[in-house]
């Protein structure tokens, strides 16, 4: 059950448009109003840290001067995400890697 909650909140936290980088606690409260405050805080903190860590991974490894070196970075990042965040589903792994590359590219 916790994996399902984390995936649902993470997916919402990756949205673009009017929900772009919306406070994660708001997302948790909207999606899971019935869980305890402590659990909401724990989930929000975990998702925030996960998103930031993934973005940092791509930002640190991306080389704007060497596109050849960047070609395999997205696939490497997906493998890294899968191993670090075993709870994350396939769709979120792909979205996180794509967004990580996008943010690294746009610096």
PDB file of N, CA and C in Angstrom:
ATOM      1  N   UNK A   1       0.820  -1.206   0.000  1.00  0.00           N
ATOM      2  CA  UNK A   1       0.000   0.000   0.000  1.00  0.00           C
ATOM      3  C   UNK A   1       0.859   1.262   0.000  1.00  0.00           C
ATOM      4  N   UNK A   2       1.946   1.264   0.778  1.00  0.00           N
ATOM      5  CA  UNK A   2       2.777   2.464   0.825  1.00  0.00           C
ATOM      6  C   UNK A   2       3.402   2.751  -0.533  1.00  0.00           C
ATOM      7  N   UNK A   3       3.818   1.709  -1.276  1.00  0.00           N
ATOM      8  CA  UNK A   3       4.381   1.921  -2.608  1.00  0.00           C
ATOM      9  C   UNK A   3       3.369   2.611  -3.517  1.00  0.00           C
ATOM     10  N   UNK A   4       2.123   2.200  -3.421  1.00  0.00           N
ATOM     11  CA  UNK A   4       1.063   2.807  -4.240  1.00  0.00           C
ATOM     12  C   UNK A   4       0.899   4.287  -3.890  1.00  0.00           C
ATOM     13  N   UNK A   5       0.914   4.602  -2.620  1.00  0.00           N
ATOM     14  CA  UNK A   5       0.788   5.991  -2.172  1.00  0.00           C
ATOM     15  C   UNK A   5       1.967   6.807  -2.666  1.00  0.00           C
ATOM     16  N   UNK A   6       3.179   6.284  -2.481  1.00  0.00           N
ATOM     17  CA  UNK A   6       4.367   7.013  -2.918  1.00  0.00           C
ATOM     18  C   UNK A   6       4.342   7.260  -4.423  1.00  0.00           C
ATOM     19  N   UNK A   7       3.957   6.264  -5.191  1.00  0.00           N
ATOM     20  CA  UNK A   7       3.903   6.433  -6.644  1.00  0.00           C
ATOM     21  C   UNK A   7       2.858   7.455  -7.064  1.00  0.00           C
ATOM     22  N   UNK A   8       1.706   7.420  -6.420  1.00  0.00           N
ATOM     23  CA  UNK A   8       0.647   8.368  -6.777  1.00  0.00           C
ATOM     24  C   UNK A   8       1.046   9.803  -6.444  1.00  0.00           C
ATOM     25  N   UNK A   9       1.645   9.999  -5.279  1.00  0.00           N
ATOM     26  CA  UNK A   9       2.070  11.340  -4.878  1.00  0.00           C
ATOM     27  C   UNK A   9       3.249  11.798  -5.748  1.00  0.00           C
ATOM     28  N   UNK A  10       4.188  10.889  -6.024  1.00  0.00           N
ATOM     29  CA  UNK A  10       5.333  11.252  -6.855  1.00  0.00           C
ATOM     30  C   UNK A  10       4.873  11.677  -8.251  1.00  0.00           C
ATOM     31  N   UNK A  11       3.956  10.929  -8.833  1.00  0.00           N
ATOM     32  CA  UNK A  11       3.436  11.278 -10.163  1.00  0.00           C
ATOM     33  C   UNK A  11       2.813  12.668 -10.145  1.00  0.00           C
ATOM     34  N   UNK A  12       2.040  12.970  -9.125  1.00  0.00           N
ATOM     35  CA  UNK A  12       1.420  14.295  -9.017  1.00  0.00           C
ATOM     36  C   UNK A  12       2.470  15.380  -8.812  1.00  0.00           C
ATOM     37  N   UNK A  13       3.541  15.056  -8.102  1.00  0.00           N
ATOM     38  CA  UNK A  13       4.602  16.029  -7.843  1.00  0.00           C
ATOM     39  C   UNK A  13       5.426  16.337  -9.097  1.00  0.00           C
ATOM     40  N   UNK A  14       5.335  15.495 -10.121  1.00  0.00           N
ATOM     41  CA  UNK A  14       6.072  15.719 -11.365  1.00  0.00           C
ATOM     42  C   UNK A  14       5.264  16.475 -12.411  1.00  0.00           C
ATOM     43  N   UNK A  15       4.020  16.784 -12.104  1.00  0.00           N
ATOM     44  CA  UNK A  15       3.156  17.433 -13.090  1.00  0.00           C
ATOM     45  C   UNK A  15       3.688  18.800 -13.494  1.00  0.00           C
ATOM     46  N   UNK A  16       3.466  19.111 -14.768  1.00  0.00           N
ATOM     47  CA  UNK A  16       3.760  20.447 -15.288  1.00  0.00           C
ATOM     48  C   UNK A  16       2.480  21.261 -15.269  1.00  0.00           C
ATOM     49  N   UNK A  17       2.510  22.423 -15.827  1.00  0.00           N
ATOM     50  CA  UNK A  17       1.314  23.263 -15.891  1.00  0.00           C
ATOM     51  C   UNK A  17       1.051  23.949 -14.569  1.00  0.00           C
ATOM     52  N   UNK A  18      -0.212  24.123 -14.247  1.00  0.00           N
ATOM     53  CA  UNK A  18      -0.571  24.877 -13.042  1.00  0.00           C
ATOM     54  C   UNK A  18      -0.158  24.174 -11.756  1.00  0.00           C
ATOM     55  N   UNK A  19       0.091  22.866 -11.826  1.00  0.00           N
ATOM     56  CA  UNK A  19       0.525  22.123 -10.642  1.00  0.00           C
ATOM     57  C   UNK A  19       2.043  21.991 -10.532  1.00  0.00           C
ATOM     58  N   UNK A  20       2.789  22.658 -11.412  1.00  0.00           N
ATOM     59  CA  UNK A  20       4.243  22.544 -11.425  1.00  0.00           C
ATOM     60  C   UNK A  20       4.841  22.947 -10.079  1.00  0.00           C
ATOM     61  N   UNK A  21       5.577  22.041  -9.497  1.00  0.00           N
ATOM     62  CA  UNK A  21       6.251  22.212  -8.204  1.00  0.00           C
ATOM     63  C   UNK A  21       5.315  22.736  -7.116  1.00  0.00           C
ATOM     64  N   UNK A  22       4.091  22.283  -7.180  1.00  0.00           N
ATOM     65  CA  UNK A  22       3.107  22.562  -6.132  1.00  0.00           C
ATOM     66  C   UNK A  22       3.627  21.959  -4.832  1.00  0.00           C
ATOM     67  N   UNK A  23       3.391  22.577  -3.693  1.00  0.00           N
ATOM     68  CA  UNK A  23       3.849  22.002  -2.428  1.00  0.00           C
ATOM     69  C   UNK A  23       3.374  20.556  -2.269  1.00  0.00           C
ATOM     70  N   UNK A  24       4.293  19.684  -1.968  1.00  0.00           N
ATOM     71  CA  UNK A  24       3.992  18.261  -1.907  1.00  0.00           C
ATOM     72  C   UNK A  24       3.017  17.954  -0.777  1.00  0.00           C
ATOM     73  N   UNK A  25       3.112  18.677   0.318  1.00  0.00           N
ATOM     74  CA  UNK A  25       2.175  18.439   1.415  1.00  0.00           C
ATOM     75  C   UNK A  25       0.736  18.691   0.957  1.00  0.00           C
ATOM     76  N   UNK A  26       0.521  19.683   0.119  1.00  0.00           N
ATOM     77  CA  UNK A  26      -0.825  19.936  -0.420  1.00  0.00           C
ATOM     78  C   UNK A  26      -1.313  18.740  -1.229  1.00  0.00           C
ATOM     79  N   UNK A  27      -0.416  18.164  -2.003  1.00  0.00           N
ATOM     80  CA  UNK A  27      -0.771  17.000  -2.819  1.00  0.00           C
ATOM     81  C   UNK A  27      -1.163  15.835  -1.916  1.00  0.00           C
ATOM     82  N   UNK A  28      -0.341  15.572  -0.905  1.00  0.00           N
ATOM     83  CA  UNK A  28      -0.623  14.466   0.018  1.00  0.00           C
ATOM     84  C   UNK A  28      -1.954  14.690   0.724  1.00  0.00           C
ATOM     85  N   UNK A  29      -2.178  15.903   1.204  1.00  0.00           N
ATOM     86  CA  UNK A  29      -3.426  16.196   1.911  1.00  0.00           C
ATOM     87  C   UNK A  29      -4.642  16.040   0.999  1.00  0.00           C
ATOM     88  N   UNK A  30      -4.488  16.409  -0.260  1.00  0.00           N
ATOM     89  CA  UNK A  30      -5.596  16.284  -1.211  1.00  0.00           C
ATOM     90  C   UNK A  30      -5.882  14.824  -1.555  1.00  0.00           C
ATOM     91  N   UNK A  31      -4.829  14.053  -1.801  1.00  0.00           N
ATOM     92  CA  UNK A  31      -5.000  12.665  -2.219  1.00  0.00           C
ATOM     93  C   UNK A  31      -5.315  11.716  -1.063  1.00  0.00           C
ATOM     94  N   UNK A  32      -4.785  12.021   0.129  1.00  0.00           N
ATOM     95  CA  UNK A  32      -4.930  11.113   1.282  1.00  0.00           C
ATOM     96  C   UNK A  32      -5.316  11.891   2.545  1.00  0.00           C
ATOM     97  N   UNK A  33      -6.493  12.490   2.552  1.00  0.00           N
ATOM     98  CA  UNK A  33      -6.893  13.299   3.714  1.00  0.00           C
ATOM     99  C   UNK A  33      -7.100  12.485   4.987  1.00  0.00           C
ATOM    100  N   UNK A  34      -7.271  11.188   4.849  1.00  0.00           N
ATOM    101  CA  UNK A  34      -7.609  10.331   5.988  1.00  0.00           C
ATOM    102  C   UNK A  34      -6.403   9.765   6.734  1.00  0.00           C
ATOM    103  N   UNK A  35      -5.192   9.939   6.227  1.00  0.00           N
ATOM    104  CA  UNK A  35      -4.038   9.389   6.937  1.00  0.00           C
ATOM    105  C   UNK A  35      -3.560  10.391   7.989  1.00  0.00           C
ATOM    106  N   UNK A  36      -2.786   9.908   8.933  1.00  0.00           N
ATOM    107  CA  UNK A  36      -2.342  10.751  10.044  1.00  0.00           C
ATOM    108  C   UNK A  36      -1.409  11.870   9.567  1.00  0.00           C
ATOM    109  N   UNK A  37      -1.333  12.912  10.354  1.00  0.00           N
ATOM    110  CA  UNK A  37      -0.460  14.039  10.039  1.00  0.00           C
ATOM    111  C   UNK A  37       1.002  13.611   9.947  1.00  0.00           C
ATOM    112  N   UNK A  38       1.411  12.731  10.858  1.00  0.00           N
ATOM    113  CA  UNK A  38       2.793  12.247  10.838  1.00  0.00           C
ATOM    114  C   UNK A  38       3.093  11.487   9.554  1.00  0.00           C
ATOM    115  N   UNK A  39       2.141  10.669   9.129  1.00  0.00           N
ATOM    116  CA  UNK A  39       2.337   9.902   7.889  1.00  0.00           C
ATOM    117  C   UNK A  39       2.363  10.835   6.679  1.00  0.00           C
ATOM    118  N   UNK A  40       1.496  11.842   6.670  1.00  0.00           N
ATOM    119  CA  UNK A  40       1.496  12.826   5.584  1.00  0.00           C
ATOM    120  C   UNK A  40       2.854  13.522   5.498  1.00  0.00           C
ATOM    121  N   UNK A  41       3.372  13.928   6.636  1.00  0.00           N
ATOM    122  CA  UNK A  41       4.666  14.604   6.671  1.00  0.00           C
ATOM    123  C   UNK A  41       5.775  13.683   6.180  1.00  0.00           C
ATOM    124  N   UNK A  42       5.749  12.449   6.613  1.00  0.00           N
ATOM    125  CA  UNK A  42       6.752  11.469   6.195  1.00  0.00           C
ATOM    126  C   UNK A  42       6.719  11.252   4.681  1.00  0.00           C
ATOM    127  N   UNK A  43       5.534  11.097   4.129  1.00  0.00           N
ATOM    128  CA  UNK A  43       5.389  10.887   2.686  1.00  0.00           C
ATOM    129  C   UNK A  43       5.855  12.122   1.921  1.00  0.00           C
ATOM    130  N   UNK A  44       5.420  13.286   2.350  1.00  0.00           N
ATOM    131  CA  UNK A  44       5.813  14.530   1.669  1.00  0.00           C
ATOM    132  C   UNK A  44       7.331  14.701   1.690  1.00  0.00           C
ATOM    133  N   UNK A  45       7.945  14.433   2.828  1.00  0.00           N
ATOM    134  CA  UNK A  45       9.406  14.556   2.927  1.00  0.00           C
ATOM    135  C   UNK A  45      10.119  13.552   2.030  1.00  0.00           C
ATOM    136  N   UNK A  46       9.623  12.334   1.990  1.00  0.00           N
ATOM    137  CA  UNK A  46      10.248  11.307   1.152  1.00  0.00           C
ATOM    138  C   UNK A  46      10.144  11.664  -0.334  1.00  0.00           C
ATOM    139  N   UNK A  47       9.002  12.134  -0.747  1.00  0.00           N
ATOM    140  CA  UNK A  47       8.819  12.504  -2.157  1.00  0.00           C
ATOM    141  C   UNK A  47       9.674  13.717  -2.507  1.00  0.00           C
ATOM    142  N   UNK A  48       9.712  14.701  -1.640  1.00  0.00           N
ATOM    143  CA  UNK A  48      10.540  15.893  -1.884  1.00  0.00           C
ATOM    144  C   UNK A  48      12.005  15.506  -2.020  1.00  0.00           C
ATOM    145  N   UNK A  49      12.484  14.693  -1.099  1.00  0.00           N
ATOM    146  CA  UNK A  49      13.878  14.261  -1.137  1.00  0.00           C
ATOM    147  C   UNK A  49      14.160  13.422  -2.388  1.00  0.00           C
ATOM    148  N   UNK A  50      13.230  12.553  -2.751  1.00  0.00           N
ATOM    149  CA  UNK A  50      13.401  11.721  -3.942  1.00  0.00           C
ATOM    150  C   UNK A  50      13.504  12.586  -5.188  1.00  0.00           C
ATOM    151  N   UNK A  51      12.585  13.502  -5.348  1.00  0.00           N
ATOM    152  CA  UNK A  51      12.595  14.377  -6.529  1.00  0.00           C
ATOM    153  C   UNK A  51      13.884  15.190  -6.595  1.00  0.00           C
ATOM    154  N   UNK A  52      14.286  15.768  -5.479  1.00  0.00           N
ATOM    155  CA  UNK A  52      15.510  16.575  -5.448  1.00  0.00           C
ATOM    156  C   UNK A  52      16.750  15.740  -5.733  1.00  0.00           C
ATOM    157  N   UNK A  53      16.817  14.535  -5.186  1.00  0.00           N
ATOM    158  CA  UNK A  53      17.966  13.660  -5.391  1.00  0.00           C
ATOM    159  C   UNK A  53      18.084  13.244  -6.855  1.00  0.00           C
ATOM    160  N   UNK A  54      16.961  12.933  -7.474  1.00  0.00           N
ATOM    161  CA  UNK A  54      16.976  12.544  -8.881  1.00  0.00           C
ATOM    162  C   UNK A  54      17.382  13.724  -9.762  1.00  0.00           C
ATOM    163  N   UNK A  55      16.823  14.886  -9.510  1.00  0.00           N
ATOM    164  CA  UNK A  55      17.205  16.062 -10.288  1.00  0.00           C
ATOM    165  C   UNK A  55      18.695  16.354 -10.135  1.00  0.00           C
ATOM    166  N   UNK A  56      19.205  16.228  -8.923  1.00  0.00           N
ATOM    167  CA  UNK A  56      20.624  16.481  -8.663  1.00  0.00           C
ATOM    168  C   UNK A  56      21.499  15.456  -9.383  1.00  0.00           C
ATOM    169  N   UNK A  57      21.078  14.208  -9.411  1.00  0.00           N
ATOM    170  CA  UNK A  57      21.827  13.151 -10.104  1.00  0.00           C
ATOM    171  C   UNK A  57      22.068  13.546 -11.554  1.00  0.00           C
ATOM    172  N   UNK A  58      21.021  13.941 -12.243  1.00  0.00           N
ATOM    173  CA  UNK A  58      21.160  14.294 -13.654  1.00  0.00           C
ATOM    174  C   UNK A  58      21.932  15.599 -13.827  1.00  0.00           C
ATOM    175  N   UNK A  59      21.671  16.561 -12.990  1.00  0.00           N
ATOM    176  CA  UNK A  59      22.366  17.838 -13.079  1.00  0.00           C
ATOM    177  C   UNK A  59      23.872  17.652 -12.894  1.00  0.00           C
ATOM    178  N   UNK A  60      24.259  16.836 -11.928  1.00  0.00           N
ATOM    179  CA  UNK A  60      25.680  16.613 -11.647  1.00  0.00           C
ATOM    180  C   UNK A  60      26.384  15.834 -12.747  1.00  0.00           C
ATOM    181  N   UNK A  61      25.678  14.949 -13.427  1.00  0.00           N
ATOM    182  CA  UNK A  61      26.299  14.093 -14.438  1.00  0.00           C
ATOM    183  C   UNK A  61      26.208  14.656 -15.857  1.00  0.00           C
ATOM    184  N   UNK A  62      25.328  15.595 -16.084  1.00  0.00           N
ATOM    185  CA  UNK A  62      25.133  16.151 -17.417  1.00  0.00           C
ATOM    186  C   UNK A  62      26.308  17.066 -17.778  1.00  0.00           C
ATOM    187  N   UNK A  63      26.829  16.896 -18.985  1.00  0.00           N
ATOM    188  CA  UNK A  63      27.941  17.718 -19.465  1.00  0.00           C
ATOM    189  C   UNK A  63      27.483  18.509 -20.685  1.00  0.00           C
ATOM    190  N   UNK A  64      27.202  19.791 -20.517  1.00  0.00           N
ATOM    191  CA  UNK A  64      26.701  20.584 -21.646  1.00  0.00           C
ATOM    192  C   UNK A  64      27.707  20.718 -22.787  1.00  0.00           C
ATOM    193  N   UNK A  65      28.957  20.417 -22.524  1.00  0.00           N
ATOM    194  CA  UNK A  65      29.995  20.513 -23.546  1.00  0.00           C
ATOM    195  C   UNK A  65      30.236  19.199 -24.277  1.00  0.00           C
ATOM    196  N   UNK A  66      29.555  18.129 -23.869  1.00  0.00           N
ATOM    197  CA  UNK A  66      29.836  16.819 -24.442  1.00  0.00           C
ATOM    198  C   UNK A  66      28.545  16.024 -24.623  1.00  0.00           C
ATOM    199  N   UNK A  67      27.851  16.309 -25.716  1.00  0.00           N
ATOM    200  CA  UNK A  67      26.586  15.619 -25.983  1.00  0.00           C
ATOM    201  C   UNK A  67      26.777  14.118 -26.158  1.00  0.00           C
ATOM    202  N   UNK A  68      27.909  13.703 -26.651  1.00  0.00           N
ATOM    203  CA  UNK A  68      28.179  12.277 -26.823  1.00  0.00           C
ATOM    204  C   UNK A  68      28.145  11.567 -25.462  1.00  0.00           C
ATOM    205  N   UNK A  69      28.716  12.198 -24.465  1.00  0.00           N
ATOM    206  CA  UNK A  69      28.725  11.614 -23.119  1.00  0.00           C
ATOM    207  C   UNK A  69      27.329  11.574 -22.515  1.00  0.00           C
ATOM    208  N   UNK A  70      26.449  12.465 -22.952  1.00  0.00           N
ATOM    209  CA  UNK A  70      25.098  12.552 -22.395  1.00  0.00           C
ATOM    210  C   UNK A  70      24.129  11.542 -23.003  1.00  0.00           C
ATOM    211  N   UNK A  71      24.500  10.937 -24.115  1.00  0.00           N
ATOM    212  CA  UNK A  71      23.578  10.045 -24.826  1.00  0.00           C
ATOM    213  C   UNK A  71      23.076   8.894 -23.964  1.00  0.00           C
ATOM    214  N   UNK A  72      23.917   8.312 -23.165  1.00  0.00           N
ATOM    215  CA  UNK A  72      23.505   7.183 -22.335  1.00  0.00           C
ATOM    216  C   UNK A  72      23.051   7.565 -20.940  1.00  0.00           C
ATOM    217  N   UNK A  73      23.107   8.867 -20.638  1.00  0.00           N
ATOM    218  CA  UNK A  73      22.808   9.307 -19.274  1.00  0.00           C
ATOM    219  C   UNK A  73      21.373   8.991 -18.849  1.00  0.00           C
ATOM    220  N   UNK A  74      20.414   9.166 -19.735  1.00  0.00           N
ATOM    221  CA  UNK A  74      19.031   8.909 -19.350  1.00  0.00           C
ATOM    222  C   UNK A  74      18.827   7.437 -18.992  1.00  0.00           C
ATOM    223  N   UNK A  75      19.376   6.525 -19.804  1.00  0.00           N
ATOM    224  CA  UNK A  75      19.247   5.095 -19.495  1.00  0.00           C
ATOM    225  C   UNK A  75      20.003   4.724 -18.222  1.00  0.00           C
ATOM    226  N   UNK A  76      21.184   5.300 -18.034  1.00  0.00           N
ATOM    227  CA  UNK A  76      21.935   5.057 -16.797  1.00  0.00           C
ATOM    228  C   UNK A  76      21.143   5.557 -15.598  1.00  0.00           C
ATOM    229  N   UNK A  77      20.539   6.724 -15.771  1.00  0.00           N
ATOM    230  CA  UNK A  77      19.742   7.301 -14.695  1.00  0.00           C
ATOM    231  C   UNK A  77      18.542   6.441 -14.338  1.00  0.00           C
ATOM    232  N   UNK A  78      17.898   5.869 -15.347  1.00  0.00           N
ATOM    233  CA  UNK A  78      16.760   4.982 -15.078  1.00  0.00           C
ATOM    234  C   UNK A  78      17.201   3.787 -14.236  1.00  0.00           C
ATOM    235  N   UNK A  79      18.328   3.219 -14.580  1.00  0.00           N
ATOM    236  CA  UNK A  79      18.835   2.075 -13.805  1.00  0.00           C
ATOM    237  C   UNK A  79      19.150   2.497 -12.371  1.00  0.00           C
ATOM    238  N   UNK A  80      19.759   3.655 -12.227  1.00  0.00           N
ATOM    239  CA  UNK A  80      20.084   4.176 -10.900  1.00  0.00           C
ATOM    240  C   UNK A  80      18.802   4.402 -10.081  1.00  0.00           C
ATOM    241  N   UNK A  81      17.791   5.010 -10.710  1.00  0.00           N
ATOM    242  CA  UNK A  81      16.526   5.264 -10.016  1.00  0.00           C
ATOM    243  C   UNK A  81      15.893   3.946  -9.569  1.00  0.00           C
ATOM    244  N   UNK A  82      15.849   2.967 -10.475  1.00  0.00           N
ATOM    245  CA  UNK A  82      15.256   1.665 -10.137  1.00  0.00           C
ATOM    246  C   UNK A  82      15.953   1.023  -8.944  1.00  0.00           C
ATOM    247  N   UNK A  83      17.280   1.138  -8.901  1.00  0.00           N
ATOM    248  CA  UNK A  83      18.009   0.495  -7.806  1.00  0.00           C
ATOM    249  C   UNK A  83      17.882   1.278  -6.494  1.00  0.00           C
ATOM    250  N   UNK A  84      17.798   2.589  -6.581  1.00  0.00           N
ATOM    251  CA  UNK A  84      17.728   3.415  -5.370  1.00  0.00           C
ATOM    252  C   UNK A  84      16.312   3.506  -4.798  1.00  0.00           C
ATOM    253  N   UNK A  85      15.324   3.494  -5.677  1.00  0.00           N
ATOM    254  CA  UNK A  85      13.933   3.661  -5.258  1.00  0.00           C
ATOM    255  C   UNK A  85      13.121   2.454  -5.736  1.00  0.00           C
ATOM    256  N   UNK A  86      13.263   1.348  -5.045  1.00  0.00           N
ATOM    257  CA  UNK A  86      12.622   0.092  -5.441  1.00  0.00           C
ATOM    258  C   UNK A  86      11.099   0.202  -5.466  1.00  0.00           C
ATOM    259  N   UNK A  87      10.533   1.139  -4.744  1.00  0.00           N
ATOM    260  CA  UNK A  87       9.087   1.321  -4.698  1.00  0.00           C
ATOM    261  C   UNK A  87       8.540   1.960  -5.971  1.00  0.00           C
ATOM    262  N   UNK A  88       9.409   2.609  -6.754  1.00  0.00           N
ATOM    263  CA  UNK A  88       8.941   3.407  -7.883  1.00  0.00           C
ATOM    264  C   UNK A  88       8.534   2.543  -9.073  1.00  0.00           C
ATOM    265  N   UNK A  89       7.366   2.835  -9.635  1.00  0.00           N
ATOM    266  CA  UNK A  89       6.877   2.075 -10.781  1.00  0.00           C
ATOM    267  C   UNK A  89       7.543   2.534 -12.081  1.00  0.00           C
ATOM    268  N   UNK A  90       7.334   1.753 -13.121  1.00  0.00           N
ATOM    269  CA  UNK A  90       7.962   1.972 -14.423  1.00  0.00           C
ATOM    270  C   UNK A  90       7.663   3.365 -14.979  1.00  0.00           C
ATOM    271  N   UNK A  91       6.418   3.767 -14.925  1.00  0.00           N
ATOM    272  CA  UNK A  91       6.021   5.076 -15.461  1.00  0.00           C
ATOM    273  C   UNK A  91       6.742   6.214 -14.748  1.00  0.00           C
ATOM    274  N   UNK A  92       6.805   6.152 -13.433  1.00  0.00           N
ATOM    275  CA  UNK A  92       7.475   7.215 -12.680  1.00  0.00           C
ATOM    276  C   UNK A  92       8.984   7.211 -12.905  1.00  0.00           C
ATOM    277  N   UNK A  93       9.584   6.040 -13.055  1.00  0.00           N
ATOM    278  CA  UNK A  93      11.022   5.974 -13.363  1.00  0.00           C
ATOM    279  C   UNK A  93      11.284   6.714 -14.669  1.00  0.00           C
ATOM    280  N   UNK A  94      10.477   6.429 -15.679  1.00  0.00           N
ATOM    281  CA  UNK A  94      10.667   7.070 -16.976  1.00  0.00           C
ATOM    282  C   UNK A  94      10.437   8.572 -16.918  1.00  0.00           C
ATOM    283  N   UNK A  95       9.384   8.982 -16.244  1.00  0.00           N
ATOM    284  CA  UNK A  95       9.100  10.422 -16.122  1.00  0.00           C
ATOM    285  C   UNK A  95      10.182  11.142 -15.328  1.00  0.00           C
ATOM    286  N   UNK A  96      10.643  10.515 -14.262  1.00  0.00           N
ATOM    287  CA  UNK A  96      11.677  11.143 -13.439  1.00  0.00           C
ATOM    288  C   UNK A  96      12.967  11.303 -14.232  1.00  0.00           C
ATOM    289  N   UNK A  97      13.335  10.297 -15.001  1.00  0.00           N
ATOM    290  CA  UNK A  97      14.554  10.372 -15.806  1.00  0.00           C
ATOM    291  C   UNK A  97      14.408  11.426 -16.903  1.00  0.00           C
ATOM    292  N   UNK A  98      13.269  11.466 -17.536  1.00  0.00           N
ATOM    293  CA  UNK A  98      13.038  12.465 -18.590  1.00  0.00           C
ATOM    294  C   UNK A  98      13.100  13.881 -18.028  1.00  0.00           C
ATOM    295  N   UNK A  99      12.449  14.087 -16.906  1.00  0.00           N
ATOM    296  CA  UNK A  99      12.478  15.415 -16.309  1.00  0.00           C
ATOM    297  C   UNK A  99      13.863  15.763 -15.786  1.00  0.00           C
ATOM    298  N   UNK A 100      14.555  14.782 -15.228  1.00  0.00           N
ATOM    299  CA  UNK A 100      15.918  15.029 -14.764  1.00  0.00           C
ATOM    300  C   UNK A 100      16.812  15.477 -15.897  1.00  0.00           C
ATOM    301  N   UNK A 101      16.705  14.820 -17.034  1.00  0.00           N
ATOM    302  CA  UNK A 101      17.486  15.218 -18.216  1.00  0.00           C
ATOM    303  C   UNK A 101      17.083  16.613 -18.683  1.00  0.00           C
ATOM    304  N   UNK A 102      15.801  16.882 -18.701  1.00  0.00           N
ATOM    305  CA  UNK A 102      15.306  18.188 -19.141  1.00  0.00           C
ATOM    306  C   UNK A 102      15.866  19.306 -18.254  1.00  0.00           C
ATOM    307  N   UNK A 103      15.781  19.114 -16.941  1.00  0.00           N
ATOM    308  CA  UNK A 103      16.284  20.143 -16.023  1.00  0.00           C
ATOM    309  C   UNK A 103      17.792  20.310 -16.139  1.00  0.00           C
ATOM    310  N   UNK A 104      18.511  19.210 -16.321  1.00  0.00           N
ATOM    311  CA  UNK A 104      19.969  19.294 -16.479  1.00  0.00           C
ATOM    312  C   UNK A 104      20.312  20.038 -17.766  1.00  0.00           C
ATOM    313  N   UNK A 105      19.592  19.743 -18.834  1.00  0.00           N
ATOM    314  CA  UNK A 105      19.844  20.383 -20.124  1.00  0.00           C
ATOM    315  C   UNK A 105      19.579  21.884 -20.058  1.00  0.00           C
ATOM    316  N   UNK A 106      18.538  22.264 -19.325  1.00  0.00           N
ATOM    317  CA  UNK A 106      18.191  23.687 -19.227  1.00  0.00           C
ATOM    318  C   UNK A 106      18.884  24.392 -18.067  1.00  0.00           C
ATOM    319  N   UNK A 107      19.721  23.638 -17.343  1.00  0.00           N
ATOM    320  CA  UNK A 107      20.544  24.174 -16.282  1.00  0.00           C
ATOM    321  C   UNK A 107      19.858  25.050 -15.342  1.00  0.00           C
TER     322      UNK A 107
END
